[in-house]
C-alpha atoms as a PDB file:
ATOM      1  CA  MET A   1      17.150 -20.479   7.120  1.00  0.00           C
ATOM      2  CA  GLY A   2      16.132 -18.393  10.173  1.00  0.00           C
ATOM      3  CA  SER A   3      15.224 -20.225  13.518  1.00  0.00           C
ATOM      4  CA  PRO A   4      11.131 -21.578  14.141  1.00  0.00           C
ATOM      5  CA  GLN A   5       8.957 -19.305  16.068  1.00  0.00           C
ATOM      6  CA  ARG A   6       6.903 -22.648  17.857  1.00  0.00           C
ATOM      7  CA  GLY A   7       3.156 -22.407  17.578  1.00  0.00           C
ATOM      8  CA  ILE A   8       0.660 -22.623  20.663  1.00  0.00           C
ATOM      9  CA  ILE A   9       0.443 -25.747  21.730  1.00  0.00           C
ATOM     10  CA  ARG A  10      -3.417 -26.769  22.526  1.00  0.00           C
ATOM     11  CA  ARG A  11      -5.250 -29.897  23.874  1.00  0.00           C
ATOM     12  CA  GLY A  12      -6.031 -31.492  20.355  1.00  0.00           C
ATOM     13  CA  CYS A  13      -4.179 -29.575  18.199  1.00  0.00           C
ATOM     14  CA  PRO A  14      -0.731 -30.379  15.975  1.00  0.00           C
ATOM     15  CA  VAL A  15       2.105 -28.556  17.368  1.00  0.00           C
ATOM     16  CA  GLY A  16       2.623 -25.917  14.629  1.00  0.00           C
ATOM     17  CA  GLU A  17       5.913 -23.779  13.841  1.00  0.00           C
ATOM     18  CA  VAL A  18       6.037 -20.441  11.764  1.00  0.00           C
ATOM     19  CA  ILE A  19       9.486 -19.734  10.022  1.00  0.00           C
ATOM     20  CA  ARG A  20      11.346 -16.795   8.952  1.00  0.00           C
ATOM     21  CA  ARG A  21      12.890 -17.863   6.081  1.00  0.00           C
ATOM     22  CA  THR A  22      16.018 -16.173   4.764  1.00  0.00           C
ATOM     23  CA  LYS A  23      18.743 -17.143   1.786  1.00  0.00           C
ATOM     24  CA  GLY A  24      21.551 -15.017   1.661  1.00  0.00           C
ATOM     25  CA  GLY A  25      20.786 -12.786   3.909  1.00  0.00           C
ATOM     26  CA  LYS A  26      17.391 -12.070   2.347  1.00  0.00           C
ATOM     27  CA  PHE A  27      13.939 -12.300   3.543  1.00  0.00           C
ATOM     28  CA  LEU A  28      12.256 -14.999   1.835  1.00  0.00           C
ATOM     29  CA  GLY A  29       9.130 -14.577   4.117  1.00  0.00           C
ATOM     30  CA  PHE A  30       7.421 -16.233   7.008  1.00  0.00           C
ATOM     31  CA  TYR A  31       6.545 -20.042   6.617  1.00  0.00           C
ATOM     32  CA  LEU A  32       3.981 -22.551   8.412  1.00  0.00           C
ATOM     33  CA  ARG A  33       5.125 -25.806   9.214  1.00  0.00           C
ATOM     34  CA  TRP A  34       2.336 -28.196  10.848  1.00  0.00           C
ATOM     35  CA  TYR A  35       1.342 -32.093  11.071  1.00  0.00           C
ATOM     36  CA  GLU A  36      -1.831 -33.396   9.573  1.00  0.00           C
ATOM     37  CA  GLY A  37      -2.875 -37.087   9.390  1.00  0.00           C
ATOM     38  CA  GLY A  38       0.418 -37.662  10.527  1.00  0.00           C
ATOM     39  CA  LYS A  39       2.550 -36.042   7.392  1.00  0.00           C
ATOM     40  CA  ARG A  40       4.412 -32.996   7.931  1.00  0.00           C
ATOM     41  CA  ARG A  41       3.229 -29.764   5.855  1.00  0.00           C
ATOM     42  CA  LEU A  42       5.063 -26.739   4.836  1.00  0.00           C
ATOM     43  CA  MET A  43       3.564 -24.038   2.950  1.00  0.00           C
ATOM     44  CA  ALA A  44       4.343 -19.823   2.540  1.00  0.00           C
ATOM     45  CA  SER A  45       1.943 -18.160   4.648  1.00  0.00           C
ATOM     46  CA  LYS A  46       2.508 -14.714   2.149  1.00  0.00           C
ATOM     47  CA  GLN A  47       1.757 -12.770   5.367  1.00  0.00           C
ATOM     48  CA  PRO A  48       3.456  -9.635   5.756  1.00  0.00           C
ATOM     49  CA  THR A  49       4.771  -9.742   9.625  1.00  0.00           C
ATOM     50  CA  GLN A  50       4.835 -12.728  12.064  1.00  0.00           C
ATOM     51  CA  ALA A  51       1.808 -11.983  14.081  1.00  0.00           C
ATOM     52  CA  GLU A  52      -0.356 -12.274  10.794  1.00  0.00           C
ATOM     53  CA  ALA A  53       1.562 -15.351  10.381  1.00  0.00           C
ATOM     54  CA  ARG A  54       1.101 -17.086  13.278  1.00  0.00           C
ATOM     55  CA  LYS A  55      -2.567 -16.055  13.060  1.00  0.00           C
ATOM     56  CA  MET A  56      -3.055 -18.084   9.961  1.00  0.00           C
ATOM     57  CA  LEU A  57      -1.316 -21.050  11.611  1.00  0.00           C
ATOM     58  CA  LEU A  58      -3.772 -21.125  14.100  1.00  0.00           C
ATOM     59  CA  GLN A  59      -6.737 -20.998  12.436  1.00  0.00           C
ATOM     60  CA  ILE A  60      -5.287 -24.151  10.076  1.00  0.00           C
ATOM     61  CA  GLU A  61      -4.825 -25.779  13.755  1.00  0.00           C
ATOM     62  CA  ALA A  62      -8.599 -25.033  14.241  1.00  0.00           C
ATOM     63  CA  LYS A  63      -9.920 -26.645  11.386  1.00  0.00           C
ATOM     64  CA  ILE A  64      -7.509 -29.486  11.917  1.00  0.00           C
ATOM     65  CA  ALA A  65      -8.475 -29.893  15.521  1.00  0.00           C
ATOM     66  CA  ARG A  66     -12.823 -29.604  14.556  1.00  0.00           C
ATOM     67  CA  GLY A  67     -11.859 -32.631  11.721  1.00  0.00           C
ATOM     68  CA  GLU A  68     -11.526 -30.189   8.455  1.00  0.00           C
ATOM     69  CA  ALA A  69      -8.662 -29.826   6.036  1.00  0.00           C
ATOM     70  CA  GLY A  70      -6.123 -27.199   7.394  1.00  0.00           C
ATOM     71  CA  ILE A  71      -6.125 -25.204   4.155  1.00  0.00           C
ATOM     72  CA  SER A  72      -9.005 -24.370   2.179  1.00  0.00           C
ATOM     73  CA  GLU A  73      -8.499 -24.257  -2.029  1.00  0.00           C
ATOM     74  CA  ARG A  74      -6.135 -21.868  -3.027  1.00  0.00           C
ATOM     75  CA  ARG A  75      -7.969 -19.076  -4.891  1.00  0.00           C
ATOM     76  CA  THR A  76      -5.772 -18.464  -8.428  1.00  0.00           C
ATOM     77  CA  ASP A  77      -8.228 -15.468 -10.359  1.00  0.00           C
ATOM     78  CA  TRP A  78      -6.922 -12.947  -7.947  1.00  0.00           C
ATOM     79  CA  PRO A  79      -7.099  -9.913 -10.457  1.00  0.00           C
ATOM     80  CA  ASN A  80      -3.368  -7.835 -11.330  1.00  0.00           C
ATOM     81  CA  VAL A  81      -2.229  -4.504  -9.366  1.00  0.00           C
ATOM     82  CA  SER A  82      -3.754  -2.623 -12.776  1.00  0.00           C
ATOM     83  CA  GLU A  83      -7.550  -3.775 -12.555  1.00  0.00           C
ATOM     84  CA  LEU A  84      -7.736  -3.210  -8.831  1.00  0.00           C
ATOM     85  CA  ILE A  85      -6.611   0.553  -8.874  1.00  0.00           C
ATOM     86  CA  GLU A  86      -8.980   0.240 -12.053  1.00  0.00           C
ATOM     87  CA  ARG A  87     -11.780  -0.573  -9.846  1.00  0.00           C
ATOM     88  CA  PHE A  88     -10.125   1.634  -6.942  1.00  0.00           C
ATOM     89  CA  CYS A  89     -10.228   4.513  -9.009  1.00  0.00           C
ATOM     90  CA  THR A  90     -14.025   3.911 -10.473  1.00  0.00           C
ATOM     91  CA  GLU A  91     -15.598   2.679  -7.484  1.00  0.00           C
ATOM     92  CA  TYR A  92     -14.479   3.899  -4.265  1.00  0.00           C
ATOM     93  CA  SER A  93     -16.600   6.145  -2.351  1.00  0.00           C
ATOM     94  CA  ARG A  94     -16.688   7.659   0.739  1.00  0.00           C
ATOM     95  CA  PRO A  95     -19.679   9.535   2.565  1.00  0.00           C
ATOM     96  CA  ARG A  96     -17.404  12.047   3.551  1.00  0.00           C
ATOM     97  CA  ILE A  97     -15.535  12.923   0.642  1.00  0.00           C
ATOM     98  CA  LYS A  98     -17.827  16.089  -0.902  1.00  0.00           C
ATOM     99  CA  ASP A  99     -16.011  15.852  -4.533  1.00  0.00           C
ATOM    100  CA  ILE A 100     -15.376  11.586  -5.181  1.00  0.00           C
ATOM    101  CA  GLU A 101     -14.832  12.391  -8.713  1.00  0.00           C
ATOM    102  CA  LYS A 102     -11.625  14.927  -8.180  1.00  0.00           C
ATOM    103  CA  TYR A 103     -10.669  12.458  -5.270  1.00  0.00           C
ATOM    104  CA  ARG A 104     -10.472   9.266  -7.860  1.00  0.00           C
ATOM    105  CA  ALA A 105      -8.966  11.702 -10.418  1.00  0.00           C
ATOM    106  CA  GLN A 106      -6.482  12.935  -7.872  1.00  0.00           C
ATOM    107  CA  TYR A 107      -5.638   8.715  -6.843  1.00  0.00           C
ATOM    108  CA  ARG A 108      -5.129   7.813 -10.738  1.00  0.00           C
ATOM    109  CA  CYS A 109      -3.233  10.129 -11.238  1.00  0.00           C
ATOM    110  CA  VAL A 110      -0.755   9.296  -8.394  1.00  0.00           C
ATOM    111  CA  LEU A 111      -0.681   5.574  -8.957  1.00  0.00           C
ATOM    112  CA  GLN A 112       0.263   5.992 -12.710  1.00  0.00           C
ATOM    113  CA  ARG A 113       3.429   5.581 -11.001  1.00  0.00           C
ATOM    114  CA  VAL A 114       3.327   2.466 -10.018  1.00  0.00           C
ATOM    115  CA  ALA A 115       2.655   1.046 -13.677  1.00  0.00           C
ATOM    116  CA  SER A 116       5.779  -0.942 -13.341  1.00  0.00           C
ATOM    117  CA  ILE A 117       3.729  -3.551 -11.352  1.00  0.00           C
ATOM    118  CA  GLY A 118       0.101  -3.333 -12.894  1.00  0.00           C
ATOM    119  CA  HIS A 119       0.928  -6.840 -14.607  1.00  0.00           C
ATOM    120  CA  LEU A 120       1.550  -8.434 -11.199  1.00  0.00           C
ATOM    121  CA  SER A 121      -1.167 -10.281  -9.234  1.00  0.00           C
ATOM    122  CA  THR A 122      -2.366  -8.549  -6.505  1.00  0.00           C
ATOM    123  CA  ALA A 123      -1.692 -12.444  -4.414  1.00  0.00           C
ATOM    124  CA  ALA A 124       1.897 -12.022  -5.634  1.00  0.00           C
ATOM    125  CA  VAL A 125       2.917  -8.499  -4.729  1.00  0.00           C
ATOM    126  CA  THR A 126       5.193  -8.459  -1.246  1.00  0.00           C
ATOM    127  CA  PRO A 127       6.308  -6.065   1.227  1.00  0.00           C
ATOM    128  CA  GLU A 128       9.860  -7.236  -0.656  1.00  0.00           C
ATOM    129  CA  THR A 129       7.860  -6.093  -3.813  1.00  0.00           C
ATOM    130  CA  ILE A 130       6.680  -2.597  -2.751  1.00  0.00           C
ATOM    131  CA  THR A 131      10.687  -2.021  -0.902  1.00  0.00           C
ATOM    132  CA  ARG A 132      11.883  -2.142  -4.392  1.00  0.00           C
ATOM    133  CA  LEU A 133       9.694   0.202  -5.795  1.00  0.00           C
ATOM    134  CA  ARG A 134       9.794   2.532  -3.218  1.00  0.00           C
ATOM    135  CA  GLU A 135      13.883   2.334  -3.741  1.00  0.00           C
ATOM    136  CA  ALA A 136      13.488   2.436  -7.655  1.00  0.00           C
ATOM    137  CA  HIS A 137      11.015   5.620  -6.992  1.00  0.00           C
ATOM    138  CA  LEU A 138      13.696   7.380  -4.899  1.00  0.00           C
ATOM    139  CA  ARG A 139      15.962   7.077  -7.682  1.00  0.00           C
ATOM    140  CA  ARG A 140      13.726   9.236  -9.697  1.00  0.00           C
ATOM    141  CA  PHE A 141      11.263  11.285  -7.595  1.00  0.00           C
ATOM    142  CA  ALA A 142      11.598  13.389  -4.568  1.00  0.00           C
ATOM    143  CA  PRO A 143      11.126  11.520  -1.502  1.00  0.00           C
ATOM    144  CA  GLY A 144       7.719  13.760  -1.046  1.00  0.00           C
ATOM    145  CA  THR A 145       6.251  12.310  -4.233  1.00  0.00           C
ATOM    146  CA  VAL A 146       7.357   8.704  -3.431  1.00  0.00           C
ATOM    147  CA  ARG A 147       6.022   8.813   0.532  1.00  0.00           C
ATOM    148  CA  MET A 148       2.575  10.178  -1.537  1.00  0.00           C
ATOM    149  CA  THR A 149       2.698   7.230  -4.361  1.00  0.00           C
ATOM    150  CA  LEU A 150       2.953   4.379  -1.658  1.00  0.00           C
ATOM    151  CA  ALA A 151       0.025   6.147   0.797  1.00  0.00           C
ATOM    152  CA  ALA A 152      -2.115   6.280  -2.257  1.00  0.00           C
ATOM    153  CA  LEU A 153      -1.037   2.636  -3.165  1.00  0.00           C
ATOM    154  CA  SER A 154      -1.879   1.525   0.161  1.00  0.00           C
ATOM    155  CA  VAL A 155      -5.152   2.713   0.454  1.00  0.00           C
ATOM    156  CA  ALA A 156      -5.797   1.186  -2.915  1.00  0.00           C
ATOM    157  CA  PHE A 157      -5.141  -2.390  -1.575  1.00  0.00           C
ATOM    158  CA  ALA A 158      -6.775  -2.047   1.849  1.00  0.00           C
ATOM    159  CA  TRP A 159     -10.051  -1.097   0.200  1.00  0.00           C
ATOM    160  CA  GLY A 160      -9.157  -4.564  -1.886  1.00  0.00           C
ATOM    161  CA  VAL A 161      -8.873  -6.425   0.694  1.00  0.00           C
ATOM    162  CA  ARG A 162     -12.166  -5.511   2.037  1.00  0.00           C
ATOM    163  CA  GLN A 163     -13.625  -5.802  -1.230  1.00  0.00           C
ATOM    164  CA  GLY A 164     -12.309  -9.070  -1.880  1.00  0.00           C
ATOM    165  CA  LEU A 165      -9.806  -8.394  -4.665  1.00  0.00           C
ATOM    166  CA  ALA A 166      -6.313  -8.928  -2.854  1.00  0.00           C
ATOM    167  CA  PRO A 167      -5.444 -11.474   0.273  1.00  0.00           C
ATOM    168  CA  SER A 168      -3.513  -8.767   2.037  1.00  0.00           C
ATOM    169  CA  ASN A 169      -2.073  -4.852   1.798  1.00  0.00           C
ATOM    170  CA  PRO A 170       2.239  -4.978   1.085  1.00  0.00           C
ATOM    171  CA  CYS A 171       1.922  -1.764   1.711  1.00  0.00           C
ATOM    172  CA  ARG A 172       1.665  -2.567   5.361  1.00  0.00           C
ATOM    173  CA  GLY A 173       4.988  -2.351   7.320  1.00  0.00           C
ATOM    174  CA  VAL A 174       6.902  -0.799   4.538  1.00  0.00           C
ATOM    175  CA  GLU A 175       8.448   2.183   5.191  1.00  0.00           C
ATOM    176  CA  ARG A 176       7.844   5.512   3.539  1.00  0.00           C
ATOM    177  CA  PRO A 177      10.415   8.274   2.785  1.00  0.00           C
ATOM    178  CA  SER A 178      10.438  11.059   5.293  1.00  0.00           C
ATOM    179  CA  ALA A 179       9.693  14.571   3.344  1.00  0.00           C
ATOM    180  CA  PRO A 180      11.224  18.003   4.640  1.00  0.00           C
ATOM    181  CA  HIS A 181       8.531  20.259   5.471  1.00  0.00           C
ATOM    182  CA  ALA A 182       8.790  23.142   2.916  1.00  0.00           C
ATOM    183  CA  LEU A 183       6.721  26.328   2.848  1.00  0.00           C
ATOM    184  CA  GLY A 184       7.193  28.397  -0.951  1.00  0.00           C
ATOM    185  CA  PHE A 185       6.737  31.963  -1.017  1.00  0.00           C
ATOM    186  CA  LEU A 186       7.683  34.800  -2.664  1.00  0.00           C
ATOM    187  CA  THR A 187       9.639  37.797  -1.700  1.00  0.00           C
ATOM    188  CA  ARG A 188       7.802  42.016  -2.129  1.00  0.00           C
ATOM    189  CA  GLU A 189       9.994  41.790  -5.647  1.00  0.00           C
ATOM    190  CA  GLU A 190       8.305  39.284  -6.807  1.00  0.00           C
ATOM    191  CA  VAL A 191       4.512  39.955  -5.936  1.00  0.00           C
ATOM    192  CA  ALA A 192       5.280  43.057  -7.815  1.00  0.00           C
ATOM    193  CA  ALA A 193       6.727  42.095 -10.850  1.00  0.00           C
ATOM    194  CA  LEU A 194       3.894  39.157 -10.934  1.00  0.00           C
ATOM    195  CA  LEU A 195       1.382  41.771 -10.264  1.00  0.00           C
ATOM    196  CA  GLN A 196       2.655  44.310 -12.628  1.00  0.00           C
ATOM    197  CA  TYR A 197       2.921  41.104 -15.502  1.00  0.00           C
ATOM    198  CA  ALA A 198      -0.851  40.210 -14.389  1.00  0.00           C
ATOM    199  CA  ARG A 199      -1.795  43.826 -15.411  1.00  0.00           C
ATOM    200  CA  GLU A 200      -0.517  43.725 -18.149  1.00  0.00           C
ATOM    201  CA  HIS A 201      -0.656  40.130 -19.887  1.00  0.00           C
ATOM    202  CA  ALA A 202      -3.833  38.917 -17.542  1.00  0.00           C
ATOM    203  CA  PRO A 203      -6.124  42.090 -16.860  1.00  0.00           C
ATOM    204  CA  GLU A 204      -9.100  39.977 -15.841  1.00  0.00           C
ATOM    205  CA  LEU A 205      -6.925  37.675 -13.586  1.00  0.00           C
ATOM    206  CA  HIS A 206      -4.897  40.756 -11.970  1.00  0.00           C
ATOM    207  CA  PRO A 207      -8.357  41.190  -9.529  1.00  0.00           C
ATOM    208  CA  MET A 208      -7.903  37.790  -8.495  1.00  0.00           C
ATOM    209  CA  ILE A 209      -3.845  37.290  -7.972  1.00  0.00           C
ATOM    210  CA  ALA A 210      -4.106  40.559  -6.076  1.00  0.00           C
ATOM    211  CA  THR A 211      -6.917  39.681  -3.572  1.00  0.00           C
ATOM    212  CA  ALA A 212      -4.678  35.903  -2.763  1.00  0.00           C
ATOM    213  CA  LEU A 213      -1.400  37.534  -2.429  1.00  0.00           C
ATOM    214  CA  HIS A 214      -2.292  40.152   0.123  1.00  0.00           C
ATOM    215  CA  THR A 215      -4.864  38.025   2.029  1.00  0.00           C
ATOM    216  CA  GLY A 216      -2.868  34.956   1.818  1.00  0.00           C
ATOM    217  CA  LEU A 217      -5.290  32.772   0.409  1.00  0.00           C
ATOM    218  CA  ARG A 218      -4.942  28.981   0.639  1.00  0.00           C
ATOM    219  CA  LYS A 219      -4.782  27.448  -3.145  1.00  0.00           C
ATOM    220  CA  GLY A 220      -7.899  25.729  -2.232  1.00  0.00           C
ATOM    221  CA  GLU A 221      -9.642  29.129  -1.689  1.00  0.00           C
END
């Protein structure tokens, strides 16, 4: 077990500790330990960082100082990840997004890759879960694809926290793989071959292809 990080001592408040627990070199999480009613209490904070765990401890201490119970009744009806993603891809909206249906469809496609954790409750997903997911994906997909997947999952969880569908965002603090910048382009010979093929086999598309090639239009244009 790692060394405890002691909480702040305040008048009327018990002394609390944030404990970084490990087992066999593997990080298990940040645990909270404090005294309440003459008894020592210990619980897993399920917080992604030590700072968040300390904040949770101070909230518990403040409740005890006011004469309230230190721990609120734990919620047990958190949706699973698949349900969170379905809600996100159906309900998410931002005024600045011009085509929200297209935006949702794109996220739905990307988030299909995290089906392996879809059965887990949003409260059961930890940064360690996301790290294992990242490593498994890196064995199957390019780094850029993995980076995009984790970014999309983080957006979904952040939205879920605001909607009360997840207790925290487990993607926070998990390092994403770096993707090398690649710029694909056609050689002069490939351009000539493409135009010739379009002229012979898709004459209705030839003017558009020629325009795109010679003006440097982007995909969205």
